[in-house]
């Protein structure tokens, strides 16, 4: 089944649930036979942005690289799913401007919830001063002003968040409308 390409941009604090929701959305899209590619922030940093620091300048470079690759994919009929903190509003806006089909998903969770989910101990390292420039602690996170979808992961189940994202992809015409595979059983 043919569909349009789109850059599906998940943004939010570390531990907010970006990757979890993105993977669940990807699963639903695969069931629907959509061409897709996941661009997870950690994986991109290892393979495409190795050697970059967490300074604002290097974060901007990293996000631009993710956006460039996502745009290449989406303009060729692929659903490019990104899951990266991408803390700065201006750079996300820049990516939106250069991308024909762009959908921003703000994965919103309070800082204390994100800290409680932190399996890598990054927030603790940031609070102790061992880790510098950590988003939400000593570096800002600028919330999106007009995202197409907001997922409140402290209140919603993963499935509820996925339904929001899939419903909006359908509403905007990026994917055909049909019953969610996860709910069809």
Protein backbone atom coordinates (compact mmCIF):
# COMPACT_ATOMS: atom_id res chain seq x y z
CA UNK A 1 0.00 0.00 0.00
CA UNK A 2 1.44 3.38 -1.02
CA UNK A 3 1.65 6.27 1.40
CA UNK A 4 3.31 9.66 1.54
CA UNK A 5 6.66 10.14 3.16
CA UNK A 6 6.70 12.17 6.33
CA UNK A 7 9.21 13.15 8.97
CA UNK A 8 7.70 12.16 12.30
CA UNK A 9 9.72 14.13 14.87
CA UNK A 10 9.50 12.99 18.50
CA UNK A 11 10.93 15.54 20.95
CA UNK A 12 11.03 15.67 24.74
CA UNK A 13 13.26 15.28 27.75
CA UNK A 14 15.47 12.24 28.29
CA UNK A 15 13.23 9.57 29.81
CA UNK A 16 9.98 11.12 28.57
CA UNK A 17 9.13 8.08 26.44
CA UNK A 18 10.13 9.25 22.94
CA UNK A 19 11.84 6.05 21.86
CA UNK A 20 9.21 3.80 23.46
CA UNK A 21 6.34 5.53 21.65
CA UNK A 22 8.34 5.85 18.41
CA UNK A 23 9.06 2.10 18.40
CA UNK A 24 5.38 1.30 19.04
CA UNK A 25 4.30 3.65 16.22
CA UNK A 26 6.92 2.04 13.95
CA UNK A 27 5.49 -1.39 14.78
CA UNK A 28 1.97 -0.26 13.83
CA UNK A 29 3.26 1.26 10.57
CA UNK A 30 5.16 -1.92 9.67
CA UNK A 31 1.96 -3.93 10.18
CA UNK A 32 0.37 -1.52 7.70
CA UNK A 33 3.25 -2.16 5.25
CA UNK A 34 4.54 1.42 5.37
CA UNK A 35 8.12 2.03 4.38
CA UNK A 36 9.85 3.48 7.42
CA UNK A 37 13.16 4.17 9.05
CA UNK A 38 13.88 4.91 12.72
CA UNK A 39 16.49 7.58 13.52
CA UNK A 40 17.03 7.28 17.27
CA UNK A 41 19.10 10.05 18.83
CA UNK A 42 21.56 7.75 20.61
CA UNK A 43 22.14 5.62 17.51
CA UNK A 44 22.59 8.66 15.24
CA UNK A 45 25.05 10.18 17.71
CA UNK A 46 27.13 6.99 17.60
CA UNK A 47 27.09 6.55 13.81
CA UNK A 48 26.48 9.92 12.17
CA UNK A 49 27.57 12.47 14.76
CA UNK A 50 30.46 10.73 16.54
CA UNK A 51 32.80 13.18 18.22
CA UNK A 52 30.21 15.90 18.79
CA UNK A 53 29.91 17.25 22.32
CA UNK A 54 26.74 18.32 24.08
CA UNK A 55 27.39 22.04 23.63
CA UNK A 56 24.54 24.01 22.05
CA UNK A 57 26.50 24.33 18.81
CA UNK A 58 27.17 20.58 18.56
CA UNK A 59 23.59 19.70 19.54
CA UNK A 60 22.38 21.95 16.72
CA UNK A 61 24.73 20.20 14.27
CA UNK A 62 23.46 16.80 15.43
CA UNK A 63 19.80 17.78 15.06
CA UNK A 64 20.45 19.30 11.62
CA UNK A 65 22.07 16.03 10.53
CA UNK A 66 19.11 14.03 11.78
CA UNK A 67 16.75 16.43 10.01
CA UNK A 68 18.72 16.26 6.76
CA UNK A 69 18.61 12.45 6.69
CA UNK A 70 14.93 12.38 7.73
CA UNK A 71 14.08 14.83 4.95
CA UNK A 72 15.93 12.73 2.34
CA UNK A 73 13.99 9.67 3.45
CA UNK A 74 10.57 11.33 3.70
CA UNK A 75 10.75 13.00 0.31
CA UNK A 76 11.30 9.50 -1.11
CA UNK A 77 8.12 8.04 0.37
CA UNK A 78 9.56 6.81 3.67
CA UNK A 79 8.11 7.54 7.10
CA UNK A 80 11.24 8.84 8.85
CA UNK A 81 10.74 8.53 12.60
CA UNK A 82 13.13 10.52 14.75
CA UNK A 83 13.44 10.22 18.52
CA UNK A 84 15.91 12.81 19.73
CA UNK A 85 15.69 15.28 22.60
CA UNK A 86 16.29 18.15 20.13
CA UNK A 87 16.00 20.72 22.91
CA UNK A 88 16.02 23.96 20.93
CA UNK A 89 12.86 25.30 19.32
CA UNK A 90 14.67 27.26 16.59
CA UNK A 91 16.45 24.20 15.17
CA UNK A 92 13.26 22.14 15.22
CA UNK A 93 11.60 25.02 13.37
CA UNK A 94 14.45 25.05 10.84
CA UNK A 95 13.92 21.32 10.18
CA UNK A 96 10.16 21.87 9.85
CA UNK A 97 10.76 24.63 7.28
CA UNK A 98 13.06 22.49 5.11
CA UNK A 99 10.83 19.41 5.23
CA UNK A 100 7.74 19.13 3.03
CA UNK A 101 5.84 16.71 5.27
CA UNK A 102 6.68 17.24 8.94
CA UNK A 103 4.81 16.20 12.06
CA UNK A 104 6.10 17.12 15.50
CA UNK A 105 5.20 14.95 18.49
CA UNK A 106 5.97 16.47 21.88
CA UNK A 107 6.45 13.69 24.40
CA UNK A 108 5.63 15.61 27.55
CA UNK A 109 6.55 14.22 30.96
CA UNK A 110 7.44 16.17 34.11
CA UNK A 111 11.15 16.27 34.97
CA UNK A 112 10.63 14.22 38.15
CA UNK A 113 8.93 11.45 36.15
CA UNK A 114 11.77 11.45 33.61
CA UNK A 115 14.30 11.23 36.44
CA UNK A 116 12.42 8.29 37.98
CA UNK A 117 12.59 6.44 34.63
CA UNK A 118 16.33 7.07 34.15
CA UNK A 119 17.89 3.61 33.87
CA UNK A 120 21.27 5.00 32.76
CA UNK A 121 21.65 7.27 35.82
CA UNK A 122 22.22 10.32 33.63
CA UNK A 123 20.07 12.69 35.70
CA UNK A 124 21.91 11.70 38.90
CA UNK A 125 25.26 12.34 37.17
CA UNK A 126 23.99 15.71 35.93
CA UNK A 127 22.70 16.71 39.37
CA UNK A 128 26.04 15.76 40.96
CA UNK A 129 27.91 17.87 38.39
CA UNK A 130 29.61 14.83 36.86
CA UNK A 131 27.69 15.33 33.59
CA UNK A 132 27.58 18.87 32.16
CA UNK A 133 25.11 20.41 29.69
CA UNK A 134 22.36 17.91 30.48
CA UNK A 135 18.98 18.96 29.10
CA UNK A 136 16.49 19.74 31.85
CA UNK A 137 19.16 20.13 34.54
CA UNK A 138 21.80 22.67 33.47
CA UNK A 139 20.74 23.09 29.84
CA UNK A 140 17.29 24.25 28.73
CA UNK A 141 14.58 22.30 26.97
CA UNK A 142 12.33 24.58 24.91
CA UNK A 143 8.87 23.05 24.64
CA UNK A 144 7.27 23.10 21.20
CA UNK A 145 4.72 25.88 20.74
CA UNK A 146 2.47 24.15 18.20
CA UNK A 147 3.21 20.44 17.91
CA UNK A 148 0.76 18.36 15.91
CA UNK A 149 0.51 15.88 18.81
CA UNK A 150 1.28 16.04 22.54
CA UNK A 151 1.67 12.76 24.41
CA UNK A 152 1.39 13.11 28.20
CA UNK A 153 3.27 9.99 29.23
CA UNK A 154 2.74 10.50 32.97
CA UNK A 155 -1.04 10.11 32.39
CA UNK A 156 -1.40 8.11 29.18
CA UNK A 157 -0.58 4.52 28.38
CA UNK A 158 1.82 3.83 25.52
CA UNK A 159 -1.14 2.59 23.48
CA UNK A 160 -3.08 5.84 24.08
CA UNK A 161 -0.08 7.87 22.90
CA UNK A 162 0.36 5.64 19.84
CA UNK A 163 -3.32 6.04 18.94
CA UNK A 164 -2.93 9.84 19.09
CA UNK A 165 0.06 9.75 16.72
CA UNK A 166 -1.47 7.26 14.25
CA UNK A 167 -4.79 9.14 14.23
CA UNK A 168 -3.02 12.40 13.37
CA UNK A 169 -0.94 10.72 10.64
CA UNK A 170 -4.22 9.47 9.16
CA UNK A 171 -5.99 12.84 9.58
CA UNK A 172 -3.16 14.64 7.78
CA UNK A 173 -3.26 12.07 4.95
CA UNK A 174 0.24 10.67 5.48
CA UNK A 175 -1.06 7.12 5.95
CA UNK A 176 -4.33 5.44 4.92
CA UNK A 177 -7.08 5.32 7.53
CA UNK A 178 -7.71 1.88 8.98
CA UNK A 179 -8.27 0.14 12.29
CA UNK A 180 -5.19 -0.03 14.50
CA UNK A 181 -3.61 -3.47 14.24
CA UNK A 182 -2.95 -3.53 17.98
CA UNK A 183 -6.67 -3.02 18.64
CA UNK A 184 -7.95 -5.37 15.92
CA UNK A 185 -7.17 -8.54 17.86
